[in-house]
């Protein structure tokens, strides 16, 4: 399953970006979706290639690692109530506080570009994002799954 309520987290006040990324990666590892080096690879990649995306009305982050660290495609979602900062993709010296963080683990052979496009379409709508942060983990996972089904990705 690409999205699961057990992989919907909430960031803590004062939590570091690295701590949040480790927790998110651990969820994927515990379900057998990624290899044991996935967490380290995400953190190193985030330092070199930040994933914070300013979408004008809100921001998101989509941290990930290369496919060689992935066993099966899956995602962890974090609702950023702890105000964890991410550096911007387009202007790495600037930081943003993404509303939602979606950690991607995309397996070899999966349509990475199509998955990313579907996520952007879903998370590009400010009202959708505002709604997501108020929902239960079960509802967040359900809405992400439905959105990806509409795009024909699952």
Protein backbone atom coordinates (compact mmCIF):
# COMPACT_ATOMS: atom_id res chain seq x y z
CA UNK A 1 0.00 0.00 0.00
CA UNK A 2 1.48 3.35 -1.05
CA UNK A 3 -0.26 5.32 1.70
CA UNK A 4 -1.09 4.04 5.18
CA UNK A 5 -2.41 5.68 8.33
CA UNK A 6 0.56 4.20 10.19
CA UNK A 7 2.78 6.36 7.99
CA UNK A 8 1.03 9.66 8.74
CA UNK A 9 3.02 11.54 11.40
CA UNK A 10 2.86 14.90 13.13
CA UNK A 11 6.05 16.89 13.69
CA UNK A 12 6.83 17.99 17.25
CA UNK A 13 7.52 21.52 18.44
CA UNK A 14 11.30 21.92 18.55
CA UNK A 15 11.94 18.80 16.45
CA UNK A 16 14.86 19.08 14.05
CA UNK A 17 14.52 18.43 10.34
CA UNK A 18 16.92 15.48 10.66
CA UNK A 19 14.88 13.92 13.50
CA UNK A 20 11.66 14.25 11.52
CA UNK A 21 13.27 12.76 8.40
CA UNK A 22 14.58 9.82 10.46
CA UNK A 23 11.13 9.16 11.92
CA UNK A 24 9.54 9.32 8.50
CA UNK A 25 12.13 6.96 6.99
CA UNK A 26 11.78 4.54 9.92
CA UNK A 27 8.09 4.11 9.07
CA UNK A 28 9.00 3.02 5.55
CA UNK A 29 11.78 0.74 6.82
CA UNK A 30 9.57 -0.94 9.43
CA UNK A 31 7.09 -1.86 6.71
CA UNK A 32 9.81 -3.33 4.50
CA UNK A 33 9.53 -0.67 1.81
CA UNK A 34 13.11 0.63 1.99
CA UNK A 35 16.60 -0.63 2.78
CA UNK A 36 18.37 0.18 6.03
CA UNK A 37 20.47 2.91 4.38
CA UNK A 38 17.42 4.85 3.14
CA UNK A 39 17.26 7.23 6.12
CA UNK A 40 20.91 8.22 5.83
CA UNK A 41 20.56 8.67 2.07
CA UNK A 42 17.52 10.97 2.47
CA UNK A 43 19.33 13.14 5.04
CA UNK A 44 22.47 13.42 2.90
CA UNK A 45 20.45 14.19 -0.21
CA UNK A 46 18.40 16.82 1.63
CA UNK A 47 21.62 18.58 2.66
CA UNK A 48 22.84 18.74 -0.96
CA UNK A 49 19.51 19.06 -2.78
CA UNK A 50 16.85 20.63 -0.54
CA UNK A 51 13.24 19.72 -1.20
CA UNK A 52 11.24 22.62 0.24
CA UNK A 53 8.86 23.96 -2.39
CA UNK A 54 7.16 27.35 -2.15
CA UNK A 55 3.81 27.13 -3.92
CA UNK A 56 2.95 30.84 -3.41
CA UNK A 57 -0.05 30.25 -1.12
CA UNK A 58 1.57 27.48 0.95
CA UNK A 59 4.65 25.27 0.92
CA UNK A 60 5.45 21.57 0.92
CA UNK A 61 8.56 19.42 1.03
CA UNK A 62 9.13 16.14 -0.78
CA UNK A 63 12.29 14.50 0.64
CA UNK A 64 13.47 11.30 -0.99
CA UNK A 65 16.49 9.14 -1.85
CA UNK A 66 17.54 7.41 -5.04
CA UNK A 67 15.76 4.22 -6.11
CA UNK A 68 18.63 1.89 -5.17
CA UNK A 69 17.63 2.40 -1.51
CA UNK A 70 14.00 1.39 -2.15
CA UNK A 71 12.40 -2.06 -2.16
CA UNK A 72 8.75 -1.11 -2.86
CA UNK A 73 7.10 2.22 -3.58
CA UNK A 74 5.52 3.95 -0.60
CA UNK A 75 5.14 7.31 1.12
CA UNK A 76 5.26 8.77 4.62
CA UNK A 77 3.32 11.96 5.29
CA UNK A 78 4.11 14.45 8.05
CA UNK A 79 1.75 17.20 9.11
CA UNK A 80 4.15 19.96 10.11
CA UNK A 81 2.54 21.24 13.30
CA UNK A 82 6.01 21.54 14.87
CA UNK A 83 7.03 24.18 12.32
CA UNK A 84 10.11 22.23 11.10
CA UNK A 85 12.05 24.27 8.54
CA UNK A 86 13.26 23.04 5.16
CA UNK A 87 15.53 24.78 2.70
CA UNK A 88 13.99 25.72 -0.62
CA UNK A 89 14.73 23.76 -3.77
CA UNK A 90 14.99 26.85 -5.95
CA UNK A 91 16.75 29.11 -3.42
CA UNK A 92 18.62 26.81 -1.00
CA UNK A 93 19.80 29.65 1.24
CA UNK A 94 16.17 30.42 2.13
CA UNK A 95 14.05 28.35 4.49
CA UNK A 96 10.33 27.66 4.49
CA UNK A 97 7.99 25.90 6.88
CA UNK A 98 6.09 23.40 4.74
CA UNK A 99 2.55 22.60 5.80
CA UNK A 100 2.93 18.99 4.68
CA UNK A 101 6.03 16.88 4.10
CA UNK A 102 5.73 13.82 1.86
CA UNK A 103 8.68 11.42 1.94
CA UNK A 104 8.82 9.43 -1.28
CA UNK A 105 10.28 5.97 -1.66
CA UNK A 106 9.97 5.16 -5.34
CA UNK A 107 11.06 1.70 -6.45
CA UNK A 108 12.91 0.98 -9.68
CA UNK A 109 10.45 0.61 -12.52
CA UNK A 110 7.89 2.95 -10.98
CA UNK A 111 6.81 6.05 -12.85
CA UNK A 112 8.66 8.61 -10.71
CA UNK A 113 7.75 11.63 -12.85
CA UNK A 114 4.07 10.66 -12.99
CA UNK A 115 3.96 10.10 -9.22
CA UNK A 116 5.56 13.48 -8.56
CA UNK A 117 3.18 15.20 -10.98
CA UNK A 118 0.21 13.60 -9.23
CA UNK A 119 1.48 14.73 -5.83
CA UNK A 120 2.01 18.28 -7.09
CA UNK A 121 -1.47 18.39 -8.56
CA UNK A 122 -2.99 17.14 -5.31
CA UNK A 123 -0.87 19.31 -2.98
CA UNK A 124 -0.93 22.36 -5.23
CA UNK A 125 -4.42 23.26 -4.06
CA UNK A 126 -4.26 25.39 -0.91
CA UNK A 127 -7.74 24.37 0.25
CA UNK A 128 -6.86 20.68 -0.03
CA UNK A 129 -3.75 21.20 2.08
CA UNK A 130 -5.69 23.21 4.70
CA UNK A 131 -8.20 20.38 4.88
CA UNK A 132 -5.55 17.66 5.18
CA UNK A 133 -3.88 19.17 8.24
CA UNK A 134 -7.18 19.04 10.17
CA UNK A 135 -7.96 15.38 9.44
CA UNK A 136 -7.16 12.12 11.21
CA UNK A 137 -4.30 9.91 10.00
CA UNK A 138 -6.83 7.51 8.51
CA UNK A 139 -8.53 10.26 6.52
CA UNK A 140 -5.22 11.74 5.32
CA UNK A 141 -4.09 8.34 4.01
CA UNK A 142 -7.48 7.78 2.38
CA UNK A 143 -7.47 11.13 0.58
CA UNK A 144 -3.90 10.67 -0.68
CA UNK A 145 -4.83 7.19 -1.95
CA UNK A 146 -7.96 8.51 -3.68
CA UNK A 147 -6.01 11.36 -5.29
CA UNK A 148 -3.42 8.97 -6.69
CA UNK A 149 -6.16 6.60 -7.93
CA UNK A 150 -7.75 9.49 -9.83
CA UNK A 151 -4.43 10.04 -11.51
CA UNK A 152 -4.18 6.34 -12.39
CA UNK A 153 -1.00 5.74 -10.42
CA UNK A 154 -2.11 2.90 -8.16
